[in-house]
Amino acid sequence: MAIAEAGISPKPAALGARTLCEALTLTAGERGDQTALRTPDDSPTLTYAETMERVEALAAGLYGLGVRRGHTVGLMLTNRPAFHMFDAAAMMLGACPFSVYNTNPPEAIAYVTGDAGNDVVITEQQFVETIRAAGTAKTIVSIDGGGDLGIGDLVAKGPDGFDLEAQWRAVEPTDLLTLIYTSGTTGPPKGVEITHANMMAELNGVHEAVGCLTTGGRQVSFLPAAHIADRWASHYSAFMSYGATVTSIKSLPDLFEVVAQVRPTVFGAVPRVWEKLKAGLESRGVTKDTPGDQVKQMLGLENVEWFVIGAAPTPVEVLEFYEALGIRICEVWGMSETSCVATTNTPADWRPGSVGKPIAGQELKIADDGELLTRGSLNMRGYRNQPEKTAETIDPDGWLHTGDIAKVDEDGFWWIVDRKKELIINAAGKNMSPANIESHLKAAGPMIGQAIVIGDRRPYNVALLVLDPDANRDGDVRGRVQAEVDAANAKLSRVEQIKRFAILEDEWLPGGDELTPTMKLKRKPINEKYAEAIEDLYK
């Protein structure tokens, strides 16, 4: 089908590459004078030509340290241009760069780097002592001091006559591109092995599915680089393939101030970000009847080609609020094991509440017990050093068992019901989705920041609630929280409703006892830590 007939934007040349090494080379070759990487205050700001000069120098230095094709290189960095350059430098050698969550304690770093088997870690001064305490890195390169080597020291190790082109041309599509360590909600993290071929299939599948993505745009990088979402969206897609200008920000509270500056062409976030923005807009008097163009202009979102949401369930009323303002947020579904997005709604094919349709090259089906299975070119190579876990997850016919309960409608839109192991089955035998109930609680207003619903084998549902850090705590806090619980209950069936709740004084932070670094609930640890508070709700 011709592009004009299909309504698909022309593919960037990079999407025809065999590997991400070739993709980056093609993109940089076309856009030498365009800004590639920057910070909000332009310290630094680098063109594609300048970026590739640095990538080559860093790659030569890593080569001088002994990094070769098939080796692993650890990265523990905040969102900054240096991440993109160091990751690319290792990749161009045929090595496998991977990221470590910045909130990880030494024990977790020791486990991940021990599993990855890397000798080199690239970091910044604030994390050096934590990495030293982990005790697994032979060489710590710190970009701002405190490590075994600085950037100048590393570059000085580059051998004379180093040939970067010869290095990246030797890389094969089946070589490892990166490791994504899962958040570990049910045990130690597993290293998801993603190849160059996996990510090239991801990029091509999304381009064909979404249809409206163009080159040379602008994106904001703010999610952790250790998570598949930012690695795909900001790094492999925006920077390496679409030739976008990527602005990195370190502080999530600054997000929408930076968005207003950047005026991005693609923008995505987890549901909590969209929910908090909705509450903020409503507090300023914005309703569904407010002219959408004014709101988009105010937020800096008037140029966005594709709005994305994923990683957790989103209440339909949140999507409908933005839709009324002309902001069509496309819910996606995927996981690290599927190289990120496996299904997506699109601006032209959208059904709120669903996760859309499979992207090209990926099959979906439902097992007898309701579990979603998927097969195709997006499926990971396997879990690093865990053949038994790999065999449990990918069956002999190539179907990856996702752990999600799903359904599909008559028009081919897929719907995620819940996690297979997280369904609440109450004392009367009723099956419920805690994630669905929790999303209604968090979307009901500005007070509730985090929520966990308990009710498995119990007579009714209760909830532990944590106030949003930005919530107004003056006056009748419990009364305002009760009003939000009542509003959420009004959208739930009687059996799903919250009968009692406790407001916790604790703050739940990403990477802490209660949340993974990507803000997923650690249900078992929470139940254990707050067992007394839970039992009090059933007295």
Protein backbone atom coordinates (compact mmCIF):
# COMPACT_ATOMS: atom_id res chain seq x y z
CA MET A 1 0.00 0.00 0.00
CA ALA A 2 1.36 3.42 -0.90
CA ILE A 3 2.19 5.81 1.91
CA ALA A 4 -0.41 8.31 0.74
CA GLU A 5 -3.10 5.61 0.72
CA ALA A 6 -2.12 4.22 4.11
CA GLY A 7 -1.69 7.61 5.70
CA ILE A 8 1.71 6.58 7.06
CA SER A 9 4.50 9.14 7.37
CA PRO A 10 7.64 8.25 5.38
CA LYS A 11 10.01 6.01 7.30
CA PRO A 12 13.29 7.52 8.41
CA ALA A 13 16.25 5.86 6.70
CA ALA A 14 17.35 4.53 10.09
CA LEU A 15 14.38 2.13 10.21
CA GLY A 16 15.87 0.25 7.26
CA ALA A 17 19.07 -0.46 9.18
CA ARG A 18 20.22 -3.93 10.29
CA THR A 19 21.32 -2.73 13.74
CA LEU A 20 20.95 0.31 15.98
CA CYS A 21 24.62 1.06 15.27
CA GLU A 22 23.80 1.53 11.60
CA ALA A 23 20.62 3.41 12.48
CA LEU A 24 22.48 5.98 14.58
CA THR A 25 25.14 6.40 11.91
CA LEU A 26 22.51 7.06 9.24
CA THR A 27 20.59 9.51 11.44
CA ALA A 28 23.68 11.47 12.48
CA GLY A 29 24.90 11.56 8.87
CA GLU A 30 21.68 13.25 7.78
CA ARG A 31 21.47 15.73 10.66
CA GLY A 32 24.99 16.85 11.51
CA ASP A 33 24.11 20.48 12.27
CA GLN A 34 20.86 19.78 14.13
CA THR A 35 20.81 19.78 17.94
CA ALA A 36 20.75 16.18 19.17
CA LEU A 37 21.12 16.39 22.95
CA ARG A 38 20.55 19.22 25.40
CA THR A 39 19.49 20.19 28.90
CA PRO A 40 16.80 22.82 29.64
CA ASP A 41 19.45 25.46 30.30
CA ASP A 42 21.53 24.41 27.26
CA SER A 43 24.48 23.31 29.37
CA PRO A 44 25.32 21.40 27.32
CA THR A 45 23.73 21.48 23.90
CA LEU A 46 25.27 19.25 21.24
CA THR A 47 24.64 18.81 17.53
CA TYR A 48 24.56 15.34 16.01
CA ALA A 49 28.05 15.93 14.57
CA GLU A 50 29.41 17.00 17.96
CA THR A 51 27.66 14.10 19.66
CA MET A 52 29.19 11.55 17.30
CA GLU A 53 32.67 13.02 17.79
CA ARG A 54 32.28 12.42 21.51
CA VAL A 55 30.76 8.97 20.98
CA GLU A 56 33.80 7.96 18.92
CA ALA A 57 36.22 9.28 21.55
CA LEU A 58 34.38 7.49 24.35
CA ALA A 59 34.17 4.28 22.33
CA ALA A 60 37.93 4.41 21.75
CA GLY A 61 38.48 4.89 25.48
CA LEU A 62 36.24 1.96 26.38
CA TYR A 63 38.07 -0.14 23.79
CA GLY A 64 41.31 0.85 25.49
CA LEU A 65 39.85 -0.44 28.77
CA GLY A 66 39.26 -3.79 27.12
CA VAL A 67 35.56 -3.51 26.26
CA ARG A 68 34.77 -5.69 23.26
CA ARG A 69 31.83 -7.06 21.32
CA GLY A 70 29.63 -9.17 23.59
CA HIS A 71 30.87 -7.54 26.81
CA THR A 72 28.57 -5.65 29.17
CA VAL A 73 28.95 -2.07 30.44
CA GLY A 74 26.97 -0.70 33.39
CA LEU A 75 25.50 2.81 33.50
CA MET A 76 24.27 4.51 36.65
CA LEU A 77 23.43 8.03 35.52
CA THR A 78 20.65 10.57 35.91
CA ASN A 79 18.81 11.73 32.78
CA ARG A 80 21.49 13.73 30.99
CA PRO A 81 23.14 13.91 27.55
CA ALA A 82 26.11 11.87 28.83
CA PHE A 83 23.87 8.82 29.18
CA HIS A 84 23.02 8.81 25.48
CA MET A 85 26.67 9.22 24.48
CA PHE A 86 28.14 6.57 26.77
CA ASP A 87 25.39 4.09 25.93
CA ALA A 88 25.94 4.70 22.22
CA ALA A 89 29.72 4.40 22.60
CA ALA A 90 29.46 0.97 24.21
CA MET A 91 26.83 -0.12 21.67
CA MET A 92 29.01 0.89 18.71
CA LEU A 93 31.68 -1.50 20.01
CA GLY A 94 29.17 -4.33 19.92
CA ALA A 95 29.02 -4.31 23.71
CA CYS A 96 25.79 -4.45 25.72
CA PRO A 97 25.22 -1.31 27.83
CA PHE A 98 22.59 -1.53 30.56
CA SER A 99 21.31 0.87 33.22
CA VAL A 100 21.05 0.56 36.98
CA TYR A 101 18.24 2.34 38.84
CA ASN A 102 19.61 5.34 40.71
CA THR A 103 17.66 4.39 43.84
CA ASN A 104 19.28 0.96 44.10
CA PRO A 105 21.20 0.20 47.32
CA PRO A 106 24.62 -1.52 47.13
CA GLU A 107 23.09 -5.00 47.57
CA ALA A 108 20.81 -4.56 44.55
CA ILE A 109 23.64 -3.12 42.45
CA ALA A 110 25.84 -6.08 43.40
CA TYR A 111 23.13 -8.50 42.31
CA VAL A 112 22.45 -6.81 38.95
CA THR A 113 26.06 -6.16 37.98
CA GLY A 114 27.05 -9.61 39.15
CA ASP A 115 24.39 -11.10 36.91
CA ALA A 116 25.37 -8.87 33.97
CA GLY A 117 29.07 -9.62 34.45
CA ASN A 118 30.37 -6.14 33.61
CA ASP A 119 33.80 -4.89 34.64
CA VAL A 120 33.13 -1.19 33.87
CA VAL A 121 30.51 1.13 35.35
CA ILE A 122 29.90 4.66 34.04
CA THR A 123 28.46 6.92 36.72
CA GLU A 124 28.54 10.31 38.40
CA GLN A 125 30.06 11.37 41.70
CA GLN A 126 26.91 11.08 43.79
CA PHE A 127 26.71 7.32 43.11
CA VAL A 128 30.41 6.40 43.30
CA GLU A 129 30.46 5.30 46.94
CA THR A 130 27.29 3.24 46.50
CA ILE A 131 28.91 1.44 43.55
CA ARG A 132 32.12 0.93 45.52
CA ALA A 133 30.10 -0.59 48.36
CA ALA A 134 28.56 -3.02 45.87
CA GLY A 135 32.08 -4.29 45.25
CA THR A 136 31.61 -5.73 41.75
CA ALA A 137 33.04 -3.07 39.39
CA LYS A 138 36.70 -3.28 38.46
CA THR A 139 36.72 0.21 36.93
CA ILE A 140 34.44 3.12 37.85
CA VAL A 141 34.37 5.95 35.33
CA SER A 142 32.79 9.07 36.85
CA ILE A 143 31.86 11.97 34.61
CA ASP A 144 32.26 14.53 37.41
CA GLY A 145 34.94 13.16 39.70
CA GLY A 146 35.39 10.62 42.46
CA GLY A 147 35.83 7.53 40.31
CA ASP A 148 38.84 5.54 39.19
CA LEU A 149 38.83 7.47 35.91
CA GLY A 150 37.38 10.72 34.65
CA ILE A 151 36.23 11.36 31.09
CA GLY A 152 39.64 12.76 30.11
CA ASP A 153 41.39 9.73 31.57
CA LEU A 154 39.08 7.42 29.65
CA VAL A 155 39.52 9.23 26.34
CA ALA A 156 43.30 9.13 26.80
CA LYS A 157 43.15 5.34 26.79
CA GLY A 158 41.91 5.27 23.18
CA PRO A 159 44.50 3.51 20.99
CA ASP A 160 46.03 5.15 17.93
CA GLY A 161 44.32 4.16 14.72
CA PHE A 162 41.08 3.13 16.43
CA ASP A 163 38.50 2.35 13.71
CA LEU A 164 34.95 2.86 14.99
CA GLU A 165 33.35 1.96 11.67
CA ALA A 166 35.03 -1.44 11.63
CA GLN A 167 33.71 -2.05 15.15
CA TRP A 168 30.07 -1.22 14.52
CA ARG A 169 29.93 -2.94 11.13
CA ALA A 170 30.87 -6.20 12.86
CA VAL A 171 27.73 -6.03 15.02
CA GLU A 172 24.97 -8.47 14.00
CA PRO A 173 21.19 -8.13 14.45
CA THR A 174 21.25 -11.11 16.82
CA ASP A 175 23.78 -9.43 19.14
CA LEU A 176 22.57 -8.11 22.48
CA LEU A 177 21.60 -4.44 22.42
CA THR A 178 20.81 -4.01 26.10
CA LEU A 179 19.65 -5.67 29.30
CA ILE A 180 16.55 -4.39 31.05
CA TYR A 181 16.36 -5.54 34.65
CA THR A 182 12.74 -6.02 35.67
CA SER A 183 11.61 -4.17 38.76
CA GLY A 184 11.35 -7.26 40.92
CA THR A 185 7.83 -7.01 42.41
CA THR A 186 7.86 -10.75 43.20
CA GLY A 187 11.55 -11.53 43.65
CA PRO A 188 15.05 -10.61 42.46
CA PRO A 189 15.11 -8.72 39.15
CA LYS A 190 15.55 -10.69 35.95
CA GLY A 191 17.79 -9.44 33.14
CA VAL A 192 15.71 -9.23 29.96
CA GLU A 193 17.98 -9.73 26.94
CA ILE A 194 16.96 -7.50 24.02
CA THR A 195 18.76 -7.81 20.70
CA HIS A 196 19.27 -5.28 17.92
CA ALA A 197 16.73 -7.25 15.85
CA ASN A 198 14.16 -7.00 18.67
CA MET A 199 14.43 -3.21 18.87
CA MET A 200 14.47 -2.71 15.10
CA ALA A 201 11.23 -4.72 14.95
CA GLU A 202 9.81 -2.55 17.74
CA LEU A 203 10.66 0.69 15.97
CA ASN A 204 9.29 -0.45 12.61
CA GLY A 205 6.14 -1.94 14.14
CA VAL A 206 5.31 1.24 16.05
CA HIS A 207 5.96 3.42 13.01
CA GLU A 208 3.56 1.40 10.87
CA ALA A 209 0.93 1.24 13.62
CA VAL A 210 0.92 4.91 14.63
CA GLY A 211 1.33 6.25 11.12
CA CYS A 212 1.92 9.93 11.92
CA LEU A 213 5.46 10.01 13.31
CA THR A 214 7.84 12.37 11.53
CA THR A 215 11.56 13.02 11.81
CA GLY A 216 13.45 15.93 13.33
CA GLY A 217 11.06 16.54 16.20
CA ARG A 218 11.52 17.19 19.92
CA GLN A 219 11.19 14.95 22.95
CA VAL A 220 11.74 15.17 26.69
CA SER A 221 13.58 12.41 28.54
CA PHE A 222 12.50 12.15 32.18
CA LEU A 223 11.72 8.49 32.98
CA PRO A 224 14.55 6.30 34.33
CA ALA A 225 16.91 5.08 31.61
CA ALA A 226 16.88 1.68 33.33
CA HIS A 227 13.23 1.29 32.31
CA ILE A 228 12.34 0.05 28.83
CA ALA A 229 9.98 2.97 28.17
CA ASP A 230 12.57 5.75 28.23
CA ARG A 231 15.22 3.54 26.63
CA TRP A 232 12.90 2.92 23.67
CA ALA A 233 11.21 6.33 23.41
CA SER A 234 14.04 8.79 24.08
CA HIS A 235 17.13 6.81 23.14
CA TYR A 236 16.54 4.28 20.37
CA SER A 237 13.56 6.03 18.79
CA ALA A 238 13.97 9.80 19.22
CA PHE A 239 17.77 10.07 19.29
CA MET A 240 18.96 7.18 17.12
CA SER A 241 16.15 6.75 14.59
CA TYR A 242 13.97 9.85 14.22
CA GLY A 243 16.69 12.47 14.56
CA ALA A 244 14.85 14.35 17.27
CA THR A 245 16.29 16.86 19.71
CA VAL A 246 16.22 15.16 23.13
CA THR A 247 16.05 17.37 26.22
CA SER A 248 16.98 15.54 29.43
CA ILE A 249 15.63 16.59 32.80
CA LYS A 250 16.67 15.28 36.21
CA SER A 251 13.74 16.44 38.34
CA LEU A 252 10.19 15.22 37.71
CA PRO A 253 8.59 18.30 39.37
CA ASP A 254 10.15 20.40 36.58
CA LEU A 255 8.54 18.28 33.86
CA PHE A 256 5.78 20.53 32.58
CA GLU A 257 7.88 23.68 32.90
CA VAL A 258 10.36 22.00 30.53
CA VAL A 259 7.58 20.68 28.29
CA ALA A 260 6.32 24.24 27.86
CA GLN A 261 9.84 25.26 26.80
CA VAL A 262 10.51 22.33 24.46
CA ARG A 263 7.06 22.05 22.76
CA PRO A 264 7.57 18.29 22.13
CA THR A 265 6.30 16.43 19.06
CA VAL A 266 5.86 13.13 20.95
CA PHE A 267 4.91 12.99 24.62
CA GLY A 268 4.15 10.06 26.88
CA ALA A 269 3.95 9.44 30.60
CA VAL A 270 2.71 6.97 33.17
CA PRO A 271 -0.92 7.38 34.36
CA ARG A 272 0.03 9.12 37.61
CA VAL A 273 1.62 12.00 35.70
CA TRP A 274 -1.51 12.48 33.58
CA GLU A 275 -3.77 12.16 36.66
CA LYS A 276 -1.83 14.80 38.58
CA LEU A 277 -1.86 17.12 35.58
CA LYS A 278 -5.65 16.66 35.31
CA ALA A 279 -6.09 17.56 38.99
CA GLY A 280 -3.90 20.63 38.52
CA LEU A 281 -5.83 21.76 35.46
CA GLU A 282 -9.16 21.32 37.24
CA SER A 283 -7.90 23.35 40.20
CA ARG A 284 -7.26 26.17 37.70
CA GLY A 285 -10.81 25.98 36.41
CA VAL A 286 -10.18 23.88 33.30
CA THR A 287 -13.15 21.67 32.37
CA LYS A 288 -14.09 19.52 29.39
CA ASP A 289 -15.73 22.62 27.94
CA THR A 290 -12.56 24.73 28.00
CA PRO A 291 -11.21 25.39 24.48
CA GLY A 292 -8.64 22.64 23.95
CA ASP A 293 -6.33 24.75 21.80
CA GLN A 294 -5.86 27.16 24.72
CA VAL A 295 -4.99 24.31 27.09
CA LYS A 296 -2.53 22.70 24.67
CA GLN A 297 -0.85 26.04 24.02
CA MET A 298 -0.60 26.71 27.76
CA LEU A 299 0.99 23.31 28.41
CA GLY A 300 3.27 23.35 25.37
CA LEU A 301 1.56 20.34 23.79
CA GLU A 302 0.17 21.92 20.63
CA ASN A 303 2.73 20.20 18.35
CA VAL A 304 2.41 16.65 19.70
CA GLU A 305 1.83 14.01 17.02
CA TRP A 306 1.32 11.12 19.44
CA PHE A 307 0.29 11.21 23.11
CA VAL A 308 1.11 7.97 24.94
CA ILE A 309 0.15 6.41 28.26
CA GLY A 310 1.08 3.02 29.65
CA ALA A 311 2.64 0.89 32.42
CA ALA A 312 -0.54 0.78 34.53
CA PRO A 313 -4.33 0.94 34.08
CA THR A 314 -5.84 4.34 33.33
CA PRO A 315 -9.43 5.25 34.26
CA VAL A 316 -11.51 5.93 31.16
CA GLU A 317 -12.70 9.23 32.64
CA VAL A 318 -9.09 10.51 32.62
CA LEU A 319 -8.75 9.69 28.92
CA GLU A 320 -12.14 11.24 28.17
CA PHE A 321 -11.22 14.44 30.04
CA TYR A 322 -8.20 14.96 27.81
CA GLU A 323 -10.05 13.82 24.68
CA ALA A 324 -12.56 16.63 25.21
CA LEU A 325 -9.62 19.05 25.19
CA GLY A 326 -8.30 17.64 21.91
CA ILE A 327 -5.56 15.63 23.61
CA ARG A 328 -6.10 12.05 22.43
CA ILE A 329 -3.91 9.93 24.71
CA CYS A 330 -3.18 6.53 23.20
CA GLU A 331 -2.95 3.73 25.72
CA VAL A 332 -0.31 1.10 24.96
CA TRP A 333 0.55 -2.29 26.41
CA GLY A 334 3.87 -4.02 26.52
CA MET A 335 6.60 -5.19 28.84
CA SER A 336 10.37 -5.38 28.95
CA GLU A 337 10.07 -8.93 27.61
CA THR A 338 8.37 -7.60 24.43
CA SER A 339 10.96 -4.85 23.80
CA CYS A 340 8.39 -2.26 25.02
CA VAL A 341 5.17 -1.57 23.07
CA ALA A 342 3.33 -4.63 21.72
CA THR A 343 -0.13 -3.10 21.29
CA THR A 344 -1.24 0.48 20.86
CA ASN A 345 -4.18 2.72 20.24
CA THR A 346 -3.45 5.30 17.57
CA PRO A 347 -4.73 8.78 16.84
CA ALA A 348 -6.81 7.31 14.00
CA ASP A 349 -7.86 4.03 15.67
CA TRP A 350 -8.70 4.65 19.32
CA ARG A 351 -10.88 3.01 21.92
CA PRO A 352 -10.55 4.46 25.45
CA GLY A 353 -9.95 1.83 28.11
CA SER A 354 -8.43 -0.65 25.68
CA VAL A 355 -4.72 -1.04 24.93
CA GLY A 356 -5.35 -0.98 21.20
CA LYS A 357 -4.27 -3.53 18.61
CA PRO A 358 -1.03 -5.50 18.11
CA ILE A 359 1.74 -3.81 16.18
CA ALA A 360 3.06 -5.47 13.03
CA GLY A 361 4.91 -8.73 13.55
CA GLN A 362 3.35 -9.64 16.90
CA GLU A 363 0.60 -12.22 17.52
CA LEU A 364 -1.66 -12.27 20.58
CA LYS A 365 -3.96 -14.98 21.92
CA ILE A 366 -5.71 -15.84 25.17
CA ALA A 367 -4.93 -19.07 27.04
CA ASP A 368 -7.63 -21.25 28.56
CA ASP A 369 -7.18 -19.55 31.95
CA GLY A 370 -7.49 -16.04 30.44
CA GLU A 371 -3.76 -15.27 30.36
CA LEU A 372 -2.49 -13.16 27.48
CA LEU A 373 0.14 -14.90 25.32
CA THR A 374 2.21 -13.16 22.66
CA ARG A 375 4.58 -14.37 19.95
CA GLY A 376 6.72 -12.58 17.41
CA SER A 377 9.84 -10.60 16.63
CA LEU A 378 9.48 -8.42 19.73
CA ASN A 379 9.92 -11.29 22.19
CA MET A 380 13.14 -11.14 24.18
CA ARG A 381 16.00 -13.57 23.60
CA GLY A 382 15.56 -14.74 27.19
CA TYR A 383 16.41 -13.97 30.81
CA ARG A 384 20.12 -13.61 31.41
CA ASN A 385 21.64 -16.66 33.15
CA GLN A 386 18.17 -18.05 33.92
CA PRO A 387 17.27 -20.74 31.36
CA GLU A 388 14.65 -22.23 33.70
CA LYS A 389 12.85 -18.91 34.06
CA THR A 390 13.09 -18.38 30.30
CA ALA A 391 11.52 -21.79 29.66
CA GLU A 392 8.72 -20.98 32.14
CA THR A 393 7.98 -17.73 30.33
CA ILE A 394 8.38 -18.71 26.66
CA ASP A 395 6.85 -22.07 25.77
CA PRO A 396 8.18 -24.47 23.09
CA ASP A 397 5.89 -22.91 20.48
CA GLY A 398 7.35 -19.46 21.08
CA TRP A 399 4.42 -18.00 23.03
CA LEU A 400 5.49 -15.63 25.81
CA HIS A 401 3.25 -15.99 28.88
CA THR A 402 2.73 -12.42 30.03
CA GLY A 403 1.03 -12.90 33.40
CA ASP A 404 -1.73 -10.50 32.33
CA ILE A 405 -5.39 -11.45 32.13
CA ALA A 406 -6.86 -10.07 28.90
CA LYS A 407 -9.84 -10.01 26.58
CA VAL A 408 -10.37 -8.93 22.98
CA ASP A 409 -13.49 -7.30 21.54
CA GLU A 410 -15.23 -7.89 18.24
CA ASP A 411 -13.27 -5.07 16.56
CA GLY A 412 -9.86 -6.43 17.52
CA PHE A 413 -9.13 -4.06 20.41
CA TRP A 414 -7.39 -5.73 23.37
CA TRP A 415 -8.21 -5.06 27.01
CA ILE A 416 -6.03 -5.86 30.05
CA VAL A 417 -8.13 -7.05 32.99
CA ASP A 418 -5.40 -7.48 35.62
CA ARG A 419 -2.25 -9.30 36.56
CA LYS A 420 -2.84 -13.05 36.82
CA LYS A 421 -1.31 -13.29 40.29
CA GLU A 422 -2.85 -10.08 41.63
CA LEU A 423 -6.56 -10.71 41.18
CA ILE A 424 -8.60 -10.33 44.35
CA ILE A 425 -10.94 -13.27 45.00
CA ASN A 426 -13.05 -12.28 47.99
CA ALA A 427 -14.61 -14.56 50.60
CA ALA A 428 -17.69 -14.98 48.40
CA GLY A 429 -15.61 -16.05 45.41
CA LYS A 430 -15.94 -12.79 43.43
CA ASN A 431 -12.96 -11.95 41.16
CA MET A 432 -11.87 -8.30 41.12
CA SER A 433 -9.04 -6.23 39.70
CA PRO A 434 -7.21 -4.31 42.44
CA ALA A 435 -5.37 -2.24 39.84
CA ASN A 436 -8.65 -1.02 38.39
CA ILE A 437 -9.97 -0.01 41.81
CA GLU A 438 -6.68 1.68 42.72
CA SER A 439 -6.65 3.69 39.50
CA HIS A 440 -10.15 5.03 40.28
CA LEU A 441 -8.99 6.05 43.77
CA LYS A 442 -5.95 7.94 42.48
CA ALA A 443 -7.94 9.64 39.73
CA ALA A 444 -10.73 10.84 42.03
CA GLY A 445 -8.98 14.05 43.10
CA PRO A 446 -5.75 15.69 44.26
CA MET A 447 -5.49 14.14 47.74
CA ILE A 448 -4.75 10.45 47.13
CA GLY A 449 -1.24 9.90 45.79
CA GLN A 450 -0.92 6.14 46.22
CA ALA A 451 -3.41 3.41 47.04
CA ILE A 452 -3.37 -0.32 47.60
CA VAL A 453 -6.57 -2.35 47.82
CA ILE A 454 -6.80 -5.43 50.05
CA GLY A 455 -9.64 -7.92 49.87
CA ASP A 456 -8.33 -11.34 48.85
CA ARG A 457 -10.26 -14.01 50.82
CA ARG A 458 -11.81 -11.18 52.85
CA PRO A 459 -15.49 -10.21 53.28
CA TYR A 460 -15.02 -6.73 51.78
CA ASN A 461 -12.35 -4.44 50.32
CA VAL A 462 -10.25 -1.97 52.31
CA ALA A 463 -7.50 0.38 51.21
CA LEU A 464 -4.26 1.86 52.49
CA LEU A 465 -3.90 5.41 51.18
CA VAL A 466 -0.91 7.73 50.98
CA LEU A 467 -1.47 11.46 50.49
CA ASP A 468 -0.05 13.09 47.41
CA PRO A 469 3.11 15.06 48.36
CA ASP A 470 1.55 18.20 46.85
CA ALA A 471 -1.80 17.79 48.59
CA ASN A 472 -3.14 20.62 50.74
CA ARG A 473 -3.04 19.28 54.31
CA ASP A 474 -4.90 22.12 55.98
CA GLY A 475 -8.34 21.58 57.50
CA ASP A 476 -10.38 18.39 57.23
CA VAL A 477 -7.94 16.12 55.39
CA ARG A 478 -9.82 12.93 56.18
CA GLY A 479 -13.08 14.46 55.01
CA ARG A 480 -11.57 15.41 51.67
CA VAL A 481 -10.04 11.95 51.27
CA GLN A 482 -13.41 10.40 52.15
CA ALA A 483 -15.01 12.50 49.40
CA GLU A 484 -12.49 11.11 46.89
CA VAL A 485 -13.10 7.55 48.08
CA ASP A 486 -16.84 8.14 47.70
CA ALA A 487 -16.31 9.48 44.18
CA ALA A 488 -14.28 6.40 43.26
CA ASN A 489 -16.84 4.07 44.83
CA ALA A 490 -19.56 5.67 42.71
CA LYS A 491 -17.79 4.31 39.62
CA LEU A 492 -17.36 0.79 41.05
CA SER A 493 -19.72 -2.12 41.55
CA ARG A 494 -20.91 -2.70 45.10
CA VAL A 495 -18.56 -5.63 45.69
CA GLU A 496 -15.55 -3.62 44.41
CA GLN A 497 -16.17 -0.60 46.64
CA ILE A 498 -13.87 0.41 49.48
CA LYS A 499 -15.65 -0.06 52.81
CA ARG A 500 -12.87 1.24 55.09
CA PHE A 501 -9.51 2.92 54.59
CA ALA A 502 -6.46 4.09 56.51
CA ILE A 503 -4.37 7.14 55.67
CA LEU A 504 -0.68 6.36 56.17
CA GLU A 505 1.74 9.03 57.30
CA ASP A 506 4.58 7.45 55.30
CA GLU A 507 5.70 8.73 51.91
CA TRP A 508 6.05 5.97 49.30
CA LEU A 509 9.02 6.72 47.07
CA PRO A 510 10.10 4.94 43.87
CA GLY A 511 12.65 2.28 44.75
CA GLY A 512 11.58 2.16 48.41
CA ASP A 513 9.86 -0.55 50.44
CA GLU A 514 6.49 -0.04 48.76
CA LEU A 515 7.19 0.96 45.14
CA THR A 516 9.49 -0.30 42.44
CA PRO A 517 11.62 2.34 40.66
CA THR A 518 8.86 2.56 38.03
CA MET A 519 6.17 3.13 40.72
CA LYS A 520 4.56 -0.31 40.60
CA LEU A 521 3.20 -1.53 43.94
CA LYS A 522 5.23 -4.13 45.82
CA ARG A 523 2.11 -5.86 47.06
CA LYS A 524 3.61 -8.61 49.21
CA PRO A 525 6.08 -6.32 51.04
CA ILE A 526 3.32 -3.76 51.62
CA ASN A 527 1.00 -6.41 53.07
CA GLU A 528 3.76 -7.58 55.38
CA LYS A 529 4.92 -4.11 56.47
CA TYR A 530 1.41 -2.80 57.17
CA ALA A 531 -0.16 -6.04 58.40
CA GLU A 532 -1.31 -4.48 61.68
CA ALA A 533 -2.96 -1.51 59.95
CA ILE A 534 -4.72 -3.90 57.56
CA GLU A 535 -6.03 -6.09 60.37
CA ASP A 536 -7.32 -3.00 62.18
CA LEU A 537 -9.50 -2.24 59.16
CA TYR A 538 -11.21 -5.62 59.51
CA LYS A 539 -11.87 -5.38 63.26
